[in-house]
Amino acid sequence: MIFKLFDLDFAENKVCKKYRKDIFKKIAGLTYSEKRKVLKKVDLEFVNVIENIDMNRPRRLDFMTHSDRFYLSVRLSFVDKAIKEIKRRSNIRLVSRRKINE
């Protein structure tokens, strides 16, 4: 008989690797400065989420018990929103430059 051991650390690393890959796929098309702005904005949103969580109360969701997975899942959820806002600001800046040059 062969017994398979379930390695929890390996499973968590596999899930976290998928989150990281998804984040990098989403920001792959941006320039370096846009990536930096997006990641900075996402980190600020993450800090806002952490401030609103009551750490004294036990959490019922399993994905929140592993801090790295929680961090990556929150970052992934805010990446799209941050990209849209950065693109919107750059479009507004581009339109204002065109109006000035006309």
N, C-alpha and C. Protein backbone atom coordinates (compact mmCIF):
# COMPACT_ATOMS: atom_id res chain seq x y z
N MET A 1 0.84 -1.18 0.00
CA MET A 1 0.00 0.00 0.00
C MET A 1 0.88 1.25 0.00
N ILE A 2 0.43 2.18 -0.75
CA ILE A 2 1.12 3.46 -0.79
C ILE A 2 0.21 4.49 -0.15
N PHE A 3 0.75 5.15 0.85
CA PHE A 3 -0.02 6.19 1.52
C PHE A 3 0.46 7.54 1.01
N LYS A 4 -0.48 8.33 0.59
CA LYS A 4 -0.14 9.69 0.17
C LYS A 4 -0.37 10.63 1.34
N LEU A 5 0.62 11.41 1.60
CA LEU A 5 0.50 12.40 2.65
C LEU A 5 0.08 13.72 2.03
N PHE A 6 -0.87 14.35 2.65
CA PHE A 6 -1.32 15.64 2.17
C PHE A 6 -0.44 16.72 2.79
N ASP A 7 0.30 17.36 1.96
CA ASP A 7 1.22 18.41 2.42
C ASP A 7 0.50 19.75 2.31
N LEU A 8 0.09 20.28 3.44
CA LEU A 8 -0.67 21.53 3.48
C LEU A 8 0.15 22.70 2.96
N ASP A 9 1.42 22.71 3.31
CA ASP A 9 2.28 23.79 2.86
C ASP A 9 2.42 23.78 1.34
N PHE A 10 2.55 22.60 0.75
CA PHE A 10 2.65 22.49 -0.71
C PHE A 10 1.36 22.97 -1.38
N ALA A 11 0.22 22.61 -0.81
CA ALA A 11 -1.07 23.04 -1.37
C ALA A 11 -1.22 24.56 -1.29
N GLU A 12 -0.83 25.15 -0.16
CA GLU A 12 -0.91 26.60 -0.02
C GLU A 12 0.01 27.31 -1.00
N ASN A 13 1.22 26.79 -1.17
CA ASN A 13 2.15 27.39 -2.12
C ASN A 13 1.62 27.30 -3.55
N LYS A 14 0.94 26.23 -3.86
CA LYS A 14 0.36 26.06 -5.20
C LYS A 14 -0.73 27.10 -5.45
N VAL A 15 -1.59 27.31 -4.46
CA VAL A 15 -2.66 28.30 -4.58
C VAL A 15 -2.08 29.70 -4.69
N CYS A 16 -1.09 30.00 -3.85
CA CYS A 16 -0.47 31.33 -3.85
C CYS A 16 0.27 31.59 -5.16
N LYS A 17 0.87 30.55 -5.72
CA LYS A 17 1.57 30.70 -6.99
C LYS A 17 0.58 31.07 -8.09
N LYS A 18 -0.62 30.48 -8.06
CA LYS A 18 -1.65 30.81 -9.05
C LYS A 18 -2.09 32.27 -8.90
N TYR A 19 -2.27 32.72 -7.66
CA TYR A 19 -2.64 34.13 -7.44
C TYR A 19 -1.56 35.07 -8.00
N ARG A 20 -0.29 34.77 -7.71
CA ARG A 20 0.80 35.61 -8.21
C ARG A 20 0.82 35.64 -9.73
N LYS A 21 0.62 34.47 -10.35
CA LYS A 21 0.63 34.38 -11.80
C LYS A 21 -0.51 35.21 -12.39
N ASP A 22 -1.69 35.15 -11.77
CA ASP A 22 -2.83 35.94 -12.26
C ASP A 22 -2.57 37.44 -12.13
N ILE A 23 -1.96 37.85 -11.03
CA ILE A 23 -1.64 39.27 -10.85
C ILE A 23 -0.67 39.74 -11.92
N PHE A 24 0.39 38.95 -12.16
CA PHE A 24 1.38 39.35 -13.16
C PHE A 24 0.80 39.33 -14.57
N LYS A 25 -0.14 38.44 -14.85
CA LYS A 25 -0.80 38.44 -16.17
C LYS A 25 -1.59 39.72 -16.38
N LYS A 26 -2.28 40.17 -15.33
CA LYS A 26 -3.12 41.35 -15.46
C LYS A 26 -2.31 42.63 -15.67
N ILE A 27 -1.13 42.71 -15.06
CA ILE A 27 -0.35 43.94 -15.18
C ILE A 27 0.74 43.83 -16.25
N ALA A 28 0.76 42.75 -16.99
CA ALA A 28 1.84 42.51 -17.96
C ALA A 28 1.86 43.56 -19.08
N GLY A 29 0.71 44.04 -19.50
CA GLY A 29 0.66 44.98 -20.61
C GLY A 29 0.95 46.42 -20.26
N LEU A 30 1.20 46.71 -19.01
CA LEU A 30 1.43 48.08 -18.58
C LEU A 30 2.90 48.44 -18.65
N THR A 31 3.17 49.73 -18.72
CA THR A 31 4.56 50.18 -18.65
C THR A 31 5.04 50.07 -17.20
N TYR A 32 6.35 50.24 -17.02
CA TYR A 32 6.92 50.10 -15.67
C TYR A 32 6.32 51.10 -14.69
N SER A 33 6.18 52.35 -15.12
CA SER A 33 5.64 53.36 -14.21
C SER A 33 4.17 53.08 -13.88
N GLU A 34 3.41 52.60 -14.87
CA GLU A 34 2.02 52.26 -14.62
C GLU A 34 1.92 51.06 -13.67
N LYS A 35 2.80 50.07 -13.84
CA LYS A 35 2.80 48.92 -12.92
C LYS A 35 3.08 49.37 -11.50
N ARG A 36 4.05 50.26 -11.36
CA ARG A 36 4.40 50.76 -10.04
C ARG A 36 3.23 51.49 -9.40
N LYS A 37 2.54 52.33 -10.19
CA LYS A 37 1.39 53.06 -9.67
C LYS A 37 0.25 52.12 -9.29
N VAL A 38 0.00 51.12 -10.14
CA VAL A 38 -1.08 50.17 -9.87
C VAL A 38 -0.79 49.38 -8.59
N LEU A 39 0.42 48.88 -8.45
CA LEU A 39 0.75 48.09 -7.26
C LEU A 39 0.74 48.93 -6.00
N LYS A 40 1.14 50.20 -6.11
CA LYS A 40 1.09 51.09 -4.95
C LYS A 40 -0.36 51.34 -4.55
N LYS A 41 -1.23 51.57 -5.53
CA LYS A 41 -2.64 51.80 -5.25
C LYS A 41 -3.30 50.55 -4.65
N VAL A 42 -2.94 49.39 -5.17
CA VAL A 42 -3.49 48.14 -4.65
C VAL A 42 -3.04 47.92 -3.20
N ASP A 43 -1.80 48.23 -2.90
CA ASP A 43 -1.33 48.09 -1.52
C ASP A 43 -2.05 49.04 -0.57
N LEU A 44 -2.34 50.25 -1.03
CA LEU A 44 -3.11 51.19 -0.20
C LEU A 44 -4.52 50.66 0.06
N GLU A 45 -5.13 50.08 -0.96
CA GLU A 45 -6.46 49.48 -0.77
C GLU A 45 -6.40 48.31 0.21
N PHE A 46 -5.32 47.53 0.13
CA PHE A 46 -5.15 46.41 1.06
C PHE A 46 -5.06 46.90 2.50
N VAL A 47 -4.33 47.98 2.71
CA VAL A 47 -4.21 48.54 4.06
C VAL A 47 -5.58 49.00 4.55
N ASN A 48 -6.39 49.58 3.67
CA ASN A 48 -7.74 49.99 4.05
C ASN A 48 -8.60 48.79 4.44
N VAL A 49 -8.45 47.68 3.73
CA VAL A 49 -9.20 46.47 4.06
C VAL A 49 -8.78 45.94 5.42
N ILE A 50 -7.49 45.91 5.67
CA ILE A 50 -6.97 45.41 6.94
C ILE A 50 -7.47 46.26 8.11
N GLU A 51 -7.56 47.57 7.91
CA GLU A 51 -8.04 48.44 8.99
C GLU A 51 -9.49 48.16 9.34
N ASN A 52 -10.27 47.67 8.38
CA ASN A 52 -11.69 47.42 8.61
C ASN A 52 -11.98 46.02 9.16
N ILE A 53 -10.97 45.16 9.24
CA ILE A 53 -11.18 43.81 9.77
C ILE A 53 -10.92 43.82 11.27
N ASP A 54 -11.83 43.22 12.00
CA ASP A 54 -11.66 43.09 13.44
C ASP A 54 -10.82 41.85 13.70
N MET A 55 -9.55 42.05 14.09
CA MET A 55 -8.63 40.93 14.27
C MET A 55 -8.90 40.14 15.56
N ASN A 56 -9.67 40.68 16.49
CA ASN A 56 -9.96 39.97 17.72
C ASN A 56 -11.06 38.93 17.54
N ARG A 57 -11.88 39.11 16.54
CA ARG A 57 -12.98 38.19 16.27
C ARG A 57 -12.46 37.03 15.42
N PRO A 58 -12.79 35.79 15.74
CA PRO A 58 -12.30 34.67 14.92
C PRO A 58 -12.92 34.70 13.53
N ARG A 59 -12.12 34.36 12.55
CA ARG A 59 -12.58 34.39 11.16
C ARG A 59 -13.12 33.03 10.77
N ARG A 60 -14.19 33.02 10.04
CA ARG A 60 -14.84 31.76 9.66
C ARG A 60 -14.34 31.24 8.31
N LEU A 61 -13.83 32.11 7.48
CA LEU A 61 -13.40 31.69 6.16
C LEU A 61 -11.99 31.13 6.22
N ASP A 62 -11.80 29.98 5.58
CA ASP A 62 -10.50 29.33 5.64
C ASP A 62 -9.44 30.07 4.85
N PHE A 63 -9.83 30.71 3.74
CA PHE A 63 -8.81 31.36 2.92
C PHE A 63 -8.20 32.58 3.63
N MET A 64 -8.86 33.08 4.64
CA MET A 64 -8.32 34.24 5.36
C MET A 64 -7.36 33.82 6.46
N THR A 65 -7.32 32.55 6.80
CA THR A 65 -6.44 32.13 7.88
C THR A 65 -4.99 32.10 7.44
N HIS A 66 -4.74 31.91 6.18
CA HIS A 66 -3.37 31.92 5.68
C HIS A 66 -3.08 33.32 5.16
N SER A 67 -2.18 34.02 5.80
CA SER A 67 -1.99 35.45 5.52
C SER A 67 -1.53 35.71 4.10
N ASP A 68 -0.66 34.89 3.56
CA ASP A 68 -0.17 35.12 2.21
C ASP A 68 -1.30 34.97 1.19
N ARG A 69 -2.13 33.95 1.36
CA ARG A 69 -3.25 33.74 0.44
C ARG A 69 -4.25 34.89 0.55
N PHE A 70 -4.52 35.34 1.75
CA PHE A 70 -5.43 36.46 1.95
C PHE A 70 -4.89 37.72 1.29
N TYR A 71 -3.61 37.99 1.49
CA TYR A 71 -2.97 39.17 0.89
C TYR A 71 -3.06 39.11 -0.63
N LEU A 72 -2.73 37.98 -1.20
CA LEU A 72 -2.75 37.86 -2.66
C LEU A 72 -4.16 37.91 -3.23
N SER A 73 -5.13 37.32 -2.53
CA SER A 73 -6.50 37.36 -3.05
C SER A 73 -7.07 38.77 -3.02
N VAL A 74 -6.76 39.53 -1.98
CA VAL A 74 -7.23 40.91 -1.90
C VAL A 74 -6.54 41.75 -2.98
N ARG A 75 -5.24 41.55 -3.16
CA ARG A 75 -4.51 42.28 -4.21
C ARG A 75 -5.10 41.98 -5.58
N LEU A 76 -5.38 40.72 -5.85
CA LEU A 76 -5.94 40.34 -7.15
C LEU A 76 -7.30 40.98 -7.37
N SER A 77 -8.09 41.07 -6.32
CA SER A 77 -9.42 41.67 -6.48
C SER A 77 -9.35 43.17 -6.75
N PHE A 78 -8.30 43.85 -6.30
CA PHE A 78 -8.19 45.29 -6.51
C PHE A 78 -7.38 45.67 -7.74
N VAL A 79 -6.72 44.73 -8.39
CA VAL A 79 -5.86 45.06 -9.53
C VAL A 79 -6.68 45.66 -10.67
N ASP A 80 -7.80 45.04 -11.02
CA ASP A 80 -8.62 45.55 -12.14
C ASP A 80 -9.10 46.97 -11.87
N LYS A 81 -9.56 47.21 -10.67
CA LYS A 81 -10.05 48.53 -10.30
C LYS A 81 -8.94 49.58 -10.40
N ALA A 82 -7.76 49.22 -9.92
CA ALA A 82 -6.63 50.15 -9.97
C ALA A 82 -6.18 50.42 -11.40
N ILE A 83 -6.17 49.38 -12.24
CA ILE A 83 -5.79 49.56 -13.64
C ILE A 83 -6.76 50.50 -14.35
N LYS A 84 -8.05 50.31 -14.11
CA LYS A 84 -9.05 51.18 -14.73
C LYS A 84 -8.85 52.63 -14.31
N GLU A 85 -8.58 52.86 -13.04
CA GLU A 85 -8.41 54.23 -12.57
C GLU A 85 -7.14 54.86 -13.14
N ILE A 86 -6.05 54.11 -13.21
CA ILE A 86 -4.80 54.64 -13.77
C ILE A 86 -4.99 54.97 -15.25
N LYS A 87 -5.67 54.09 -15.99
CA LYS A 87 -5.92 54.34 -17.41
C LYS A 87 -6.84 55.55 -17.60
N ARG A 88 -7.85 55.68 -16.72
CA ARG A 88 -8.76 56.81 -16.81
C ARG A 88 -8.01 58.12 -16.58
N ARG A 89 -7.14 58.14 -15.59
CA ARG A 89 -6.37 59.35 -15.32
C ARG A 89 -5.44 59.69 -16.47
N SER A 90 -4.81 58.68 -17.06
CA SER A 90 -3.90 58.96 -18.19
C SER A 90 -4.68 59.45 -19.40
N ASN A 91 -5.88 58.94 -19.62
CA ASN A 91 -6.73 59.42 -20.73
C ASN A 91 -7.16 60.86 -20.51
N ILE A 92 -7.53 61.19 -19.29
CA ILE A 92 -7.91 62.58 -18.98
C ILE A 92 -6.73 63.51 -19.19
N ARG A 93 -5.54 63.09 -18.76
CA ARG A 93 -4.34 63.89 -18.95
C ARG A 93 -4.03 64.08 -20.44
N LEU A 94 -4.20 63.02 -21.23
CA LEU A 94 -3.96 63.09 -22.67
C LEU A 94 -4.94 64.03 -23.36
N VAL A 95 -6.22 63.96 -22.98
CA VAL A 95 -7.23 64.85 -23.56
C VAL A 95 -6.94 66.30 -23.20
N SER A 96 -6.55 66.55 -21.97
CA SER A 96 -6.27 67.94 -21.56
C SER A 96 -5.03 68.48 -22.32
N ARG A 97 -4.05 67.65 -22.56
CA ARG A 97 -2.89 68.09 -23.34
C ARG A 97 -3.29 68.43 -24.78
N ARG A 98 -4.16 67.61 -25.34
CA ARG A 98 -4.62 67.87 -26.72
C ARG A 98 -5.40 69.18 -26.79
N LYS A 99 -6.22 69.45 -25.77
CA LYS A 99 -6.98 70.69 -25.78
C LYS A 99 -6.08 71.90 -25.65
N ILE A 100 -5.03 71.77 -24.85
CA ILE A 100 -4.09 72.88 -24.69
C ILE A 100 -3.34 73.14 -25.99
N ASN A 101 -2.97 72.11 -26.70
CA ASN A 101 -2.19 72.26 -27.94
C ASN A 101 -3.02 72.77 -29.10
N GLU A 102 -4.32 72.68 -29.03
CA GLU A 102 -5.17 73.13 -30.13
C GLU A 102 -5.32 74.61 -30.19
